[in-house]
């Protein structure tokens, strides 16, 4: 289900960057190929980690959102970010400091933001 890098990066971008559209995921600096992105989005929907619905302003586009199951991954991804930061240089030290200073507050804030974004 989450055994590949791209699925984790998609979920990360939804949680931390508020990405919701195919175009936003394509603009990610990691450079995911279109066929890989389409495949991973499809699989994440099939696994119930994200949901998709038509964009109200353009019915040809889909809007992706985290499900409750996806939001439950917030602590897992937070620990992965902290682990990576402990072993490698990371470009987002401010985020790492925020996570370390009050992990509970950080997790609650991300969960709340995801839930608010995904309802709208």
PDB file of N, CA and C in Angstrom:
ATOM      1  N   UNK A   1       0.811  -1.194   0.000  1.00  0.00           N
ATOM      2  CA  UNK A   1       0.000   0.000   0.000  1.00  0.00           C
ATOM      3  C   UNK A   1       0.861   1.267   0.000  1.00  0.00           C
ATOM      4  N   UNK A   2       1.837   1.336   0.878  1.00  0.00           N
ATOM      5  CA  UNK A   2       2.706   2.518   0.960  1.00  0.00           C
ATOM      6  C   UNK A   2       4.164   2.162   0.694  1.00  0.00           C
ATOM      7  N   UNK A   3       4.381   1.115  -0.052  1.00  0.00           N
ATOM      8  CA  UNK A   3       5.723   0.604  -0.229  1.00  0.00           C
ATOM      9  C   UNK A   3       6.573   1.341  -1.241  1.00  0.00           C
ATOM     10  N   UNK A   4       6.056   2.406  -1.822  1.00  0.00           N
ATOM     11  CA  UNK A   4       6.881   3.120  -2.788  1.00  0.00           C
ATOM     12  C   UNK A   4       7.011   4.588  -2.405  1.00  0.00           C
ATOM     13  N   UNK A   5       8.051   5.162  -2.876  1.00  0.00           N
ATOM     14  CA  UNK A   5       8.387   6.545  -2.563  1.00  0.00           C
ATOM     15  C   UNK A   5       7.292   7.511  -2.993  1.00  0.00           C
ATOM     16  N   UNK A   6       6.727   7.295  -4.160  1.00  0.00           N
ATOM     17  CA  UNK A   6       5.788   8.277  -4.713  1.00  0.00           C
ATOM     18  C   UNK A   6       4.513   8.375  -3.899  1.00  0.00           C
ATOM     19  N   UNK A   7       3.993   7.262  -3.432  1.00  0.00           N
ATOM     20  CA  UNK A   7       2.772   7.310  -2.625  1.00  0.00           C
ATOM     21  C   UNK A   7       3.005   8.134  -1.364  1.00  0.00           C
ATOM     22  N   UNK A   8       4.129   7.935  -0.723  1.00  0.00           N
ATOM     23  CA  UNK A   8       4.446   8.695   0.486  1.00  0.00           C
ATOM     24  C   UNK A   8       4.613  10.179   0.188  1.00  0.00           C
ATOM     25  N   UNK A   9       5.212  10.505  -0.952  1.00  0.00           N
ATOM     26  CA  UNK A   9       5.393  11.908  -1.306  1.00  0.00           C
ATOM     27  C   UNK A   9       4.058  12.579  -1.627  1.00  0.00           C
ATOM     28  N   UNK A  10       3.159  11.847  -2.262  1.00  0.00           N
ATOM     29  CA  UNK A  10       1.827  12.391  -2.545  1.00  0.00           C
ATOM     30  C   UNK A  10       1.101  12.690  -1.232  1.00  0.00           C
ATOM     31  N   UNK A  11       1.137  11.745  -0.324  1.00  0.00           N
ATOM     32  CA  UNK A  11       0.475  11.939   0.973  1.00  0.00           C
ATOM     33  C   UNK A  11       1.140  13.084   1.730  1.00  0.00           C
ATOM     34  N   UNK A  12       2.461  13.124   1.710  1.00  0.00           N
ATOM     35  CA  UNK A  12       3.189  14.227   2.366  1.00  0.00           C
ATOM     36  C   UNK A  12       2.729  15.573   1.815  1.00  0.00           C
ATOM     37  N   UNK A  13       2.646  15.676   0.479  1.00  0.00           N
ATOM     38  CA  UNK A  13       2.258  16.946  -0.131  1.00  0.00           C
ATOM     39  C   UNK A  13       0.810  17.315   0.184  1.00  0.00           C
ATOM     40  N   UNK A  14      -0.032  16.332   0.347  1.00  0.00           N
ATOM     41  CA  UNK A  14      -1.407  16.630   0.743  1.00  0.00           C
ATOM     42  C   UNK A  14      -1.453  17.131   2.180  1.00  0.00           C
ATOM     43  N   UNK A  15      -0.675  16.494   3.060  1.00  0.00           N
ATOM     44  CA  UNK A  15      -0.673  16.855   4.474  1.00  0.00           C
ATOM     45  C   UNK A  15      -0.006  18.191   4.737  1.00  0.00           C
ATOM     46  N   UNK A  16       1.177  18.360   4.190  1.00  0.00           N
ATOM     47  CA  UNK A  16       1.995  19.511   4.562  1.00  0.00           C
ATOM     48  C   UNK A  16       1.901  20.686   3.602  1.00  0.00           C
ATOM     49  N   UNK A  17       1.573  20.433   2.355  1.00  0.00           N
ATOM     50  CA  UNK A  17       1.520  21.510   1.359  1.00  0.00           C
ATOM     51  C   UNK A  17       0.107  21.814   0.885  1.00  0.00           C
ATOM     52  N   UNK A  18      -0.846  21.005   1.292  1.00  0.00           N
ATOM     53  CA  UNK A  18      -2.227  21.253   0.916  1.00  0.00           C
ATOM     54  C   UNK A  18      -2.539  20.978  -0.547  1.00  0.00           C
ATOM     55  N   UNK A  19      -1.746  20.129  -1.196  1.00  0.00           N
ATOM     56  CA  UNK A  19      -1.995  19.801  -2.593  1.00  0.00           C
ATOM     57  C   UNK A  19      -3.289  18.997  -2.720  1.00  0.00           C
ATOM     58  N   UNK A  20      -4.038  19.278  -3.801  1.00  0.00           N
ATOM     59  CA  UNK A  20      -5.298  18.578  -4.033  1.00  0.00           C
ATOM     60  C   UNK A  20      -5.544  18.241  -5.496  1.00  0.00           C
ATOM     61  N   UNK A  21      -4.719  18.750  -6.384  1.00  0.00           N
ATOM     62  CA  UNK A  21      -4.980  18.534  -7.808  1.00  0.00           C
ATOM     63  C   UNK A  21      -3.806  17.828  -8.488  1.00  0.00           C
ATOM     64  N   UNK A  22      -4.126  17.171  -9.577  1.00  0.00           N
ATOM     65  CA  UNK A  22      -3.113  16.485 -10.383  1.00  0.00           C
ATOM     66  C   UNK A  22      -2.001  17.461 -10.764  1.00  0.00           C
ATOM     67  N   UNK A  23      -2.398  18.659 -11.189  1.00  0.00           N
ATOM     68  CA  UNK A  23      -1.420  19.672 -11.604  1.00  0.00           C
ATOM     69  C   UNK A  23      -0.462  20.034 -10.466  1.00  0.00           C
ATOM     70  N   UNK A  24      -0.982  20.190  -9.253  1.00  0.00           N
ATOM     71  CA  UNK A  24      -0.116  20.510  -8.114  1.00  0.00           C
ATOM     72  C   UNK A  24       0.890  19.394  -7.867  1.00  0.00           C
ATOM     73  N   UNK A  25       0.446  18.150  -7.935  1.00  0.00           N
ATOM     74  CA  UNK A  25       1.364  17.032  -7.737  1.00  0.00           C
ATOM     75  C   UNK A  25       2.428  16.993  -8.834  1.00  0.00           C
ATOM     76  N   UNK A  26       2.045  17.319 -10.062  1.00  0.00           N
ATOM     77  CA  UNK A  26       3.003  17.326 -11.178  1.00  0.00           C
ATOM     78  C   UNK A  26       4.085  18.383 -10.982  1.00  0.00           C
ATOM     79  N   UNK A  27       3.769  19.457 -10.294  1.00  0.00           N
ATOM     80  CA  UNK A  27       4.723  20.545 -10.084  1.00  0.00           C
ATOM     81  C   UNK A  27       5.653  20.306  -8.902  1.00  0.00           C
ATOM     82  N   UNK A  28       5.505  19.177  -8.239  1.00  0.00           N
ATOM     83  CA  UNK A  28       6.363  18.817  -7.118  1.00  0.00           C
ATOM     84  C   UNK A  28       7.821  18.754  -7.587  1.00  0.00           C
ATOM     85  N   UNK A  29       8.735  19.241  -6.779  1.00  0.00           N
ATOM     86  CA  UNK A  29      10.134  19.322  -7.204  1.00  0.00           C
ATOM     87  C   UNK A  29      10.804  17.961  -7.393  1.00  0.00           C
ATOM     88  N   UNK A  30      10.210  16.884  -6.879  1.00  0.00           N
ATOM     89  CA  UNK A  30      10.809  15.563  -7.081  1.00  0.00           C
ATOM     90  C   UNK A  30      10.661  15.065  -8.515  1.00  0.00           C
ATOM     91  N   UNK A  31       9.724  15.619  -9.267  1.00  0.00           N
ATOM     92  CA  UNK A  31       9.596  15.302 -10.683  1.00  0.00           C
ATOM     93  C   UNK A  31       8.972  13.954 -10.999  1.00  0.00           C
ATOM     94  N   UNK A  32       7.784  13.706 -10.535  1.00  0.00           N
ATOM     95  CA  UNK A  32       7.090  12.445 -10.797  1.00  0.00           C
ATOM     96  C   UNK A  32       6.595  12.404 -12.248  1.00  0.00           C
ATOM     97  N   UNK A  33       6.720  11.250 -12.875  1.00  0.00           N
ATOM     98  CA  UNK A  33       6.231  11.064 -14.249  1.00  0.00           C
ATOM     99  C   UNK A  33       4.700  10.998 -14.235  1.00  0.00           C
ATOM    100  N   UNK A  34       4.072  11.448 -15.308  1.00  0.00           N
ATOM    101  CA  UNK A  34       2.607  11.502 -15.362  1.00  0.00           C
ATOM    102  C   UNK A  34       1.970  10.132 -15.178  1.00  0.00           C
ATOM    103  N   UNK A  35       2.540   9.110 -15.800  1.00  0.00           N
ATOM    104  CA  UNK A  35       1.936   7.773 -15.679  1.00  0.00           C
ATOM    105  C   UNK A  35       2.071   7.222 -14.265  1.00  0.00           C
ATOM    106  N   UNK A  36       3.181   7.521 -13.605  1.00  0.00           N
ATOM    107  CA  UNK A  36       3.379   7.075 -12.217  1.00  0.00           C
ATOM    108  C   UNK A  36       2.397   7.805 -11.300  1.00  0.00           C
ATOM    109  N   UNK A  37       2.254   9.115 -11.497  1.00  0.00           N
ATOM    110  CA  UNK A  37       1.329   9.889 -10.668  1.00  0.00           C
ATOM    111  C   UNK A  37      -0.096   9.369 -10.816  1.00  0.00           C
ATOM    112  N   UNK A  38      -0.535   9.171 -12.037  1.00  0.00           N
ATOM    113  CA  UNK A  38      -1.895   8.674 -12.260  1.00  0.00           C
ATOM    114  C   UNK A  38      -2.090   7.314 -11.594  1.00  0.00           C
ATOM    115  N   UNK A  39      -1.105   6.450 -11.715  1.00  0.00           N
ATOM    116  CA  UNK A  39      -1.182   5.120 -11.108  1.00  0.00           C
ATOM    117  C   UNK A  39      -1.256   5.206  -9.584  1.00  0.00           C
ATOM    118  N   UNK A  40      -0.397   6.024  -8.973  1.00  0.00           N
ATOM    119  CA  UNK A  40      -0.366   6.111  -7.514  1.00  0.00           C
ATOM    120  C   UNK A  40      -1.638   6.747  -6.966  1.00  0.00           C
ATOM    121  N   UNK A  41      -2.149   7.776  -7.642  1.00  0.00           N
ATOM    122  CA  UNK A  41      -3.403   8.385  -7.196  1.00  0.00           C
ATOM    123  C   UNK A  41      -4.529   7.353  -7.251  1.00  0.00           C
ATOM    124  N   UNK A  42      -4.584   6.601  -8.335  1.00  0.00           N
ATOM    125  CA  UNK A  42      -5.602   5.558  -8.482  1.00  0.00           C
ATOM    126  C   UNK A  42      -5.487   4.530  -7.350  1.00  0.00           C
ATOM    127  N   UNK A  43      -4.265   4.081  -7.059  1.00  0.00           N
ATOM    128  CA  UNK A  43      -4.059   3.088  -6.001  1.00  0.00           C
ATOM    129  C   UNK A  43      -4.402   3.640  -4.623  1.00  0.00           C
ATOM    130  N   UNK A  44      -4.028   4.887  -4.348  1.00  0.00           N
ATOM    131  CA  UNK A  44      -4.336   5.483  -3.049  1.00  0.00           C
ATOM    132  C   UNK A  44      -5.847   5.633  -2.851  1.00  0.00           C
ATOM    133  N   UNK A  45      -6.560   5.923  -3.931  1.00  0.00           N
ATOM    134  CA  UNK A  45      -8.027   5.962  -3.855  1.00  0.00           C
ATOM    135  C   UNK A  45      -8.556   4.554  -3.589  1.00  0.00           C
ATOM    136  N   UNK A  46      -8.037   3.578  -4.324  1.00  0.00           N
ATOM    137  CA  UNK A  46      -8.493   2.188  -4.160  1.00  0.00           C
ATOM    138  C   UNK A  46      -8.235   1.676  -2.740  1.00  0.00           C
ATOM    139  N   UNK A  47      -7.146   2.092  -2.116  1.00  0.00           N
ATOM    140  CA  UNK A  47      -6.824   1.670  -0.749  1.00  0.00           C
ATOM    141  C   UNK A  47      -7.585   2.467   0.313  1.00  0.00           C
ATOM    142  N   UNK A  48      -8.314   3.490  -0.113  1.00  0.00           N
ATOM    143  CA  UNK A  48      -9.095   4.284   0.829  1.00  0.00           C
ATOM    144  C   UNK A  48      -8.291   5.299   1.607  1.00  0.00           C
ATOM    145  N   UNK A  49      -7.092   5.623   1.136  1.00  0.00           N
ATOM    146  CA  UNK A  49      -6.241   6.607   1.819  1.00  0.00           C
ATOM    147  C   UNK A  49      -6.591   8.013   1.362  1.00  0.00           C
ATOM    148  N   UNK A  50      -6.964   8.143   0.109  1.00  0.00           N
ATOM    149  CA  UNK A  50      -7.438   9.421  -0.413  1.00  0.00           C
ATOM    150  C   UNK A  50      -8.769   9.182  -1.123  1.00  0.00           C
ATOM    151  N   UNK A  51      -9.489  10.271  -1.331  1.00  0.00           N
ATOM    152  CA  UNK A  51     -10.750  10.222  -2.074  1.00  0.00           C
ATOM    153  C   UNK A  51     -10.640  11.222  -3.220  1.00  0.00           C
ATOM    154  N   UNK A  52     -11.437  11.023  -4.236  1.00  0.00           N
ATOM    155  CA  UNK A  52     -11.456  11.973  -5.349  1.00  0.00           C
ATOM    156  C   UNK A  52     -12.895  12.352  -5.647  1.00  0.00           C
ATOM    157  N   UNK A  53     -13.052  13.596  -6.063  1.00  0.00           N
ATOM    158  CA  UNK A  53     -14.368  14.074  -6.486  1.00  0.00           C
ATOM    159  C   UNK A  53     -14.154  15.114  -7.576  1.00  0.00           C
ATOM    160  N   UNK A  54     -15.142  15.301  -8.448  1.00  0.00           N
ATOM    161  CA  UNK A  54     -14.998  16.285  -9.523  1.00  0.00           C
ATOM    162  C   UNK A  54     -14.868  17.703  -8.952  1.00  0.00           C
ATOM    163  N   UNK A  55     -14.040  18.493  -9.607  1.00  0.00           N
ATOM    164  CA  UNK A  55     -13.892  19.904  -9.257  1.00  0.00           C
ATOM    165  C   UNK A  55     -15.177  20.622  -9.654  1.00  0.00           C
ATOM    166  N   UNK A  56     -15.750  21.391  -8.750  1.00  0.00           N
ATOM    167  CA  UNK A  56     -17.010  22.077  -9.039  1.00  0.00           C
ATOM    168  C   UNK A  56     -16.870  23.120 -10.149  1.00  0.00           C
ATOM    169  N   UNK A  57     -15.679  23.708 -10.287  1.00  0.00           N
ATOM    170  CA  UNK A  57     -15.477  24.732 -11.316  1.00  0.00           C
ATOM    171  C   UNK A  57     -15.119  24.146 -12.678  1.00  0.00           C
ATOM    172  N   UNK A  58     -14.633  22.912 -12.710  1.00  0.00           N
ATOM    173  CA  UNK A  58     -14.287  22.239 -13.965  1.00  0.00           C
ATOM    174  C   UNK A  58     -14.474  20.744 -13.762  1.00  0.00           C
ATOM    175  N   UNK A  59     -15.612  20.232 -14.151  1.00  0.00           N
ATOM    176  CA  UNK A  59     -15.987  18.838 -13.879  1.00  0.00           C
ATOM    177  C   UNK A  59     -15.034  17.820 -14.514  1.00  0.00           C
ATOM    178  N   UNK A  60     -14.156  18.248 -15.413  1.00  0.00           N
ATOM    179  CA  UNK A  60     -13.181  17.331 -16.022  1.00  0.00           C
ATOM    180  C   UNK A  60     -12.022  17.040 -15.076  1.00  0.00           C
ATOM    181  N   UNK A  61     -11.816  17.902 -14.102  1.00  0.00           N
ATOM    182  CA  UNK A  61     -10.711  17.750 -13.146  1.00  0.00           C
ATOM    183  C   UNK A  61     -11.197  17.081 -11.871  1.00  0.00           C
ATOM    184  N   UNK A  62     -10.267  16.411 -11.206  1.00  0.00           N
ATOM    185  CA  UNK A  62     -10.570  15.785  -9.918  1.00  0.00           C
ATOM    186  C   UNK A  62      -9.862  16.530  -8.799  1.00  0.00           C
ATOM    187  N   UNK A  63     -10.519  16.574  -7.668  1.00  0.00           N
ATOM    188  CA  UNK A  63      -9.935  17.116  -6.447  1.00  0.00           C
ATOM    189  C   UNK A  63      -9.703  15.927  -5.518  1.00  0.00           C
ATOM    190  N   UNK A  64      -8.480  15.802  -5.034  1.00  0.00           N
ATOM    191  CA  UNK A  64      -8.111  14.702  -4.148  1.00  0.00           C
ATOM    192  C   UNK A  64      -8.065  15.208  -2.714  1.00  0.00           C
ATOM    193  N   UNK A  65      -8.506  14.369  -1.794  1.00  0.00           N
ATOM    194  CA  UNK A  65      -8.460  14.722  -0.379  1.00  0.00           C
ATOM    195  C   UNK A  65      -8.135  13.478   0.439  1.00  0.00           C
ATOM    196  N   UNK A  66      -7.562  13.712   1.600  1.00  0.00           N
ATOM    197  CA  UNK A  66      -7.249  12.610   2.500  1.00  0.00           C
ATOM    198  C   UNK A  66      -8.524  12.125   3.177  1.00  0.00           C
ATOM    199  N   UNK A  67      -8.645  10.835   3.294  1.00  0.00           N
ATOM    200  CA  UNK A  67      -9.738  10.244   4.071  1.00  0.00           C
ATOM    201  C   UNK A  67      -9.301  10.209   5.533  1.00  0.00           C
ATOM    202  N   UNK A  68     -10.199   9.766   6.397  1.00  0.00           N
ATOM    203  CA  UNK A  68      -9.828   9.601   7.809  1.00  0.00           C
ATOM    204  C   UNK A  68      -8.648   8.641   7.923  1.00  0.00           C
ATOM    205  N   UNK A  69      -8.655   7.598   7.102  1.00  0.00           N
ATOM    206  CA  UNK A  69      -7.553   6.626   7.090  1.00  0.00           C
ATOM    207  C   UNK A  69      -6.243   7.323   6.689  1.00  0.00           C
ATOM    208  N   UNK A  70      -6.303   8.216   5.727  1.00  0.00           N
ATOM    209  CA  UNK A  70      -5.125   8.957   5.301  1.00  0.00           C
ATOM    210  C   UNK A  70      -4.636   9.923   6.363  1.00  0.00           C
ATOM    211  N   UNK A  71      -5.569  10.601   7.017  1.00  0.00           N
ATOM    212  CA  UNK A  71      -5.197  11.539   8.080  1.00  0.00           C
ATOM    213  C   UNK A  71      -4.530  10.800   9.241  1.00  0.00           C
ATOM    214  N   UNK A  72      -4.909   9.554   9.447  1.00  0.00           N
ATOM    215  CA  UNK A  72      -4.266   8.754  10.502  1.00  0.00           C
ATOM    216  C   UNK A  72      -2.788   8.481  10.225  1.00  0.00           C
ATOM    217  N   UNK A  73      -2.329   8.773   9.015  1.00  0.00           N
ATOM    218  CA  UNK A  73      -0.911   8.605   8.683  1.00  0.00           C
ATOM    219  C   UNK A  73      -0.051   9.787   9.128  1.00  0.00           C
ATOM    220  N   UNK A  74      -0.665  10.867   9.610  1.00  0.00           N
ATOM    221  CA  UNK A  74       0.095  12.053  10.025  1.00  0.00           C
ATOM    222  C   UNK A  74       1.211  11.696  11.012  1.00  0.00           C
ATOM    223  N   UNK A  75       0.947  10.948  12.080  1.00  0.00           N
ATOM    224  CA  UNK A  75       2.044  10.633  13.012  1.00  0.00           C
ATOM    225  C   UNK A  75       3.153   9.792  12.368  1.00  0.00           C
ATOM    226  N   UNK A  76       2.779   8.896  11.479  1.00  0.00           N
ATOM    227  CA  UNK A  76       3.764   8.036  10.812  1.00  0.00           C
ATOM    228  C   UNK A  76       4.699   8.878   9.952  1.00  0.00           C
ATOM    229  N   UNK A  77       4.132   9.755   9.141  1.00  0.00           N
ATOM    230  CA  UNK A  77       4.962  10.603   8.285  1.00  0.00           C
ATOM    231  C   UNK A  77       5.786  11.595   9.091  1.00  0.00           C
ATOM    232  N   UNK A  78       5.242  12.070  10.192  1.00  0.00           N
ATOM    233  CA  UNK A  78       6.000  12.976  11.057  1.00  0.00           C
ATOM    234  C   UNK A  78       7.245  12.272  11.581  1.00  0.00           C
ATOM    235  N   UNK A  79       7.080  11.048  12.045  1.00  0.00           N
ATOM    236  CA  UNK A  79       8.233  10.291  12.538  1.00  0.00           C
ATOM    237  C   UNK A  79       9.242  10.024  11.421  1.00  0.00           C
ATOM    238  N   UNK A  80       8.774   9.791  10.216  1.00  0.00           N
ATOM    239  CA  UNK A  80       9.693   9.567   9.091  1.00  0.00           C
ATOM    240  C   UNK A  80      10.487  10.834   8.775  1.00  0.00           C
ATOM    241  N   UNK A  81       9.836  11.986   8.833  1.00  0.00           N
ATOM    242  CA  UNK A  81      10.528  13.261   8.598  1.00  0.00           C
ATOM    243  C   UNK A  81      11.575  13.478   9.680  1.00  0.00           C
ATOM    244  N   UNK A  82      11.217  13.235  10.923  1.00  0.00           N
ATOM    245  CA  UNK A  82      12.172  13.415  12.024  1.00  0.00           C
ATOM    246  C   UNK A  82      13.340  12.437  11.922  1.00  0.00           C
ATOM    247  N   UNK A  83      13.049  11.203  11.537  1.00  0.00           N
ATOM    248  CA  UNK A  83      14.117  10.221  11.353  1.00  0.00           C
ATOM    249  C   UNK A  83      15.073  10.678  10.255  1.00  0.00           C
ATOM    250  N   UNK A  84      14.520  11.104   9.122  1.00  0.00           N
ATOM    251  CA  UNK A  84      15.350  11.557   8.004  1.00  0.00           C
ATOM    252  C   UNK A  84      16.202  12.760   8.416  1.00  0.00           C
ATOM    253  N   UNK A  85      15.603  13.696   9.141  1.00  0.00           N
ATOM    254  CA  UNK A  85      16.332  14.892   9.572  1.00  0.00           C
ATOM    255  C   UNK A  85      17.459  14.551  10.529  1.00  0.00           C
ATOM    256  N   UNK A  86      17.319  13.485  11.285  1.00  0.00           N
ATOM    257  CA  UNK A  86      18.364  13.070  12.224  1.00  0.00           C
ATOM    258  C   UNK A  86      19.553  12.441  11.494  1.00  0.00           C
ATOM    259  N   UNK A  87      19.347  11.982  10.272  1.00  0.00           N
ATOM    260  CA  UNK A  87      20.391  11.263   9.551  1.00  0.00           C
ATOM    261  C   UNK A  87      20.870  11.942   8.276  1.00  0.00           C
ATOM    262  N   UNK A  88      20.162  12.966   7.839  1.00  0.00           N
ATOM    263  CA  UNK A  88      20.538  13.668   6.614  1.00  0.00           C
ATOM    264  C   UNK A  88      20.215  15.148   6.762  1.00  0.00           C
ATOM    265  N   UNK A  89      20.859  15.951   5.933  1.00  0.00           N
ATOM    266  CA  UNK A  89      20.509  17.366   5.893  1.00  0.00           C
ATOM    267  C   UNK A  89      19.159  17.491   5.211  1.00  0.00           C
ATOM    268  N   UNK A  90      18.335  18.337   5.773  1.00  0.00           N
ATOM    269  CA  UNK A  90      17.036  18.582   5.166  1.00  0.00           C
ATOM    270  C   UNK A  90      16.889  20.073   4.897  1.00  0.00           C
ATOM    271  N   UNK A  91      16.195  20.388   3.840  1.00  0.00           N
ATOM    272  CA  UNK A  91      16.020  21.788   3.468  1.00  0.00           C
ATOM    273  C   UNK A  91      14.959  22.498   4.279  1.00  0.00           C
ATOM    274  N   UNK A  92      14.195  21.767   5.057  1.00  0.00           N
ATOM    275  CA  UNK A  92      13.099  22.385   5.792  1.00  0.00           C
ATOM    276  C   UNK A  92      13.319  22.274   7.300  1.00  0.00           C
ATOM    277  N   UNK A  93      14.350  22.949   7.761  1.00  0.00           N
ATOM    278  CA  UNK A  93      14.677  22.904   9.190  1.00  0.00           C
ATOM    279  C   UNK A  93      13.589  23.531  10.051  1.00  0.00           C
ATOM    280  N   UNK A  94      12.899  24.540   9.519  1.00  0.00           N
ATOM    281  CA  UNK A  94      11.830  25.181  10.298  1.00  0.00           C
ATOM    282  C   UNK A  94      10.730  24.168  10.622  1.00  0.00           C
ATOM    283  N   UNK A  95      10.381  23.347   9.663  1.00  0.00           N
ATOM    284  CA  UNK A  95       9.365  22.320   9.884  1.00  0.00           C
ATOM    285  C   UNK A  95       9.842  21.308  10.917  1.00  0.00           C
ATOM    286  N   UNK A  96      11.086  20.891  10.800  1.00  0.00           N
ATOM    287  CA  UNK A  96      11.645  19.921  11.746  1.00  0.00           C
ATOM    288  C   UNK A  96      11.656  20.506  13.153  1.00  0.00           C
ATOM    289  N   UNK A  97      12.042  21.761  13.297  1.00  0.00           N
ATOM    290  CA  UNK A  97      12.034  22.402  14.622  1.00  0.00           C
ATOM    291  C   UNK A  97      10.618  22.468  15.190  1.00  0.00           C
ATOM    292  N   UNK A  98       9.659  22.778  14.337  1.00  0.00           N
ATOM    293  CA  UNK A  98       8.263  22.837  14.770  1.00  0.00           C
ATOM    294  C   UNK A  98       7.797  21.462  15.251  1.00  0.00           C
ATOM    295  N   UNK A  99       8.150  20.432  14.514  1.00  0.00           N
ATOM    296  CA  UNK A  99       7.776  19.066  14.901  1.00  0.00           C
ATOM    297  C   UNK A  99       8.397  18.686  16.238  1.00  0.00           C
ATOM    298  N   UNK A 100       9.678  19.015  16.407  1.00  0.00           N
ATOM    299  CA  UNK A 100      10.394  18.636  17.618  1.00  0.00           C
ATOM    300  C   UNK A 100       9.939  19.420  18.840  1.00  0.00           C
ATOM    301  N   UNK A 101       9.619  20.692  18.675  1.00  0.00           N
ATOM    302  CA  UNK A 101       9.321  21.535  19.828  1.00  0.00           C
ATOM    303  C   UNK A 101       8.041  21.118  20.542  1.00  0.00           C
ATOM    304  N   UNK A 102       7.020  20.760  19.790  1.00  0.00           N
ATOM    305  CA  UNK A 102       5.763  20.313  20.403  1.00  0.00           C
ATOM    306  C   UNK A 102       5.074  19.391  19.402  1.00  0.00           C
ATOM    307  N   UNK A 103       5.476  18.129  19.436  1.00  0.00           N
ATOM    308  CA  UNK A 103       4.991  17.162  18.456  1.00  0.00           C
ATOM    309  C   UNK A 103       3.474  17.030  18.509  1.00  0.00           C
ATOM    310  N   UNK A 104       2.904  16.966  19.697  1.00  0.00           N
ATOM    311  CA  UNK A 104       1.443  16.814  19.835  1.00  0.00           C
ATOM    312  C   UNK A 104       0.710  17.981  19.177  1.00  0.00           C
ATOM    313  N   UNK A 105       1.183  19.186  19.444  1.00  0.00           N
ATOM    314  CA  UNK A 105       0.566  20.378  18.854  1.00  0.00           C
ATOM    315  C   UNK A 105       0.698  20.349  17.330  1.00  0.00           C
ATOM    316  N   UNK A 106       1.870  19.961  16.839  1.00  0.00           N
ATOM    317  CA  UNK A 106       2.084  19.872  15.402  1.00  0.00           C
ATOM    318  C   UNK A 106       1.116  18.856  14.777  1.00  0.00           C
ATOM    319  N   UNK A 107       1.040  17.661  15.372  1.00  0.00           N
ATOM    320  CA  UNK A 107       0.165  16.611  14.838  1.00  0.00           C
ATOM    321  C   UNK A 107      -1.301  17.049  14.843  1.00  0.00           C
ATOM    322  N   UNK A 108      -1.733  17.641  15.934  1.00  0.00           N
ATOM    323  CA  UNK A 108      -3.122  18.100  16.022  1.00  0.00           C
ATOM    324  C   UNK A 108      -3.398  19.176  14.977  1.00  0.00           C
ATOM    325  N   UNK A 109      -2.445  20.073  14.774  1.00  0.00           N
ATOM    326  CA  UNK A 109      -2.617  21.135  13.782  1.00  0.00           C
ATOM    327  C   UNK A 109      -2.718  20.596  12.362  1.00  0.00           C
ATOM    328  N   UNK A 110      -1.862  19.641  12.022  1.00  0.00           N
ATOM    329  CA  UNK A 110      -1.904  19.056  10.684  1.00  0.00           C
ATOM    330  C   UNK A 110      -3.211  18.293  10.481  1.00  0.00           C
ATOM    331  N   UNK A 111      -3.599  17.512  11.470  1.00  0.00           N
ATOM    332  CA  UNK A 111      -4.868  16.772  11.368  1.00  0.00           C
ATOM    333  C   UNK A 111      -6.045  17.721  11.176  1.00  0.00           C
ATOM    334  N   UNK A 112      -6.051  18.785  11.947  1.00  0.00           N
ATOM    335  CA  UNK A 112      -7.145  19.747  11.860  1.00  0.00           C
ATOM    336  C   UNK A 112      -7.156  20.418  10.486  1.00  0.00           C
ATOM    337  N   UNK A 113      -6.007  20.840   9.998  1.00  0.00           N
ATOM    338  CA  UNK A 113      -5.942  21.481   8.691  1.00  0.00           C
ATOM    339  C   UNK A 113      -6.378  20.529   7.580  1.00  0.00           C
ATOM    340  N   UNK A 114      -5.936  19.286   7.648  1.00  0.00           N
ATOM    341  CA  UNK A 114      -6.349  18.291   6.648  1.00  0.00           C
ATOM    342  C   UNK A 114      -7.862  18.106   6.669  1.00  0.00           C
ATOM    343  N   UNK A 115      -8.410  17.981   7.848  1.00  0.00           N
ATOM    344  CA  UNK A 115      -9.850  17.770   7.960  1.00  0.00           C
ATOM    345  C   UNK A 115     -10.622  18.969   7.429  1.00  0.00           C
ATOM    346  N   UNK A 116     -10.171  20.174   7.729  1.00  0.00           N
ATOM    347  CA  UNK A 116     -10.842  21.385   7.238  1.00  0.00           C
ATOM    348  C   UNK A 116     -10.746  21.495   5.723  1.00  0.00           C
ATOM    349  N   UNK A 117      -9.545  21.290   5.184  1.00  0.00           N
ATOM    350  CA  UNK A 117      -9.351  21.379   3.722  1.00  0.00           C
ATOM    351  C   UNK A 117     -10.179  20.337   3.014  1.00  0.00           C
ATOM    352  N   UNK A 118     -10.191  19.144   3.572  1.00  0.00           N
ATOM    353  CA  UNK A 118     -10.826  18.026   2.888  1.00  0.00           C
ATOM    354  C   UNK A 118     -12.347  18.061   2.974  1.00  0.00           C
ATOM    355  N   UNK A 119     -12.890  18.842   3.909  1.00  0.00           N
ATOM    356  CA  UNK A 119     -14.346  19.013   3.969  1.00  0.00           C
ATOM    357  C   UNK A 119     -14.814  20.003   2.925  1.00  0.00           C
ATOM    358  N   UNK A 120     -13.934  20.977   2.625  1.00  0.00           N
ATOM    359  CA  UNK A 120     -14.331  22.074   1.747  1.00  0.00           C
ATOM    360  C   UNK A 120     -14.231  21.765   0.335  1.00  0.00           C
TER     361      UNK A 120
END
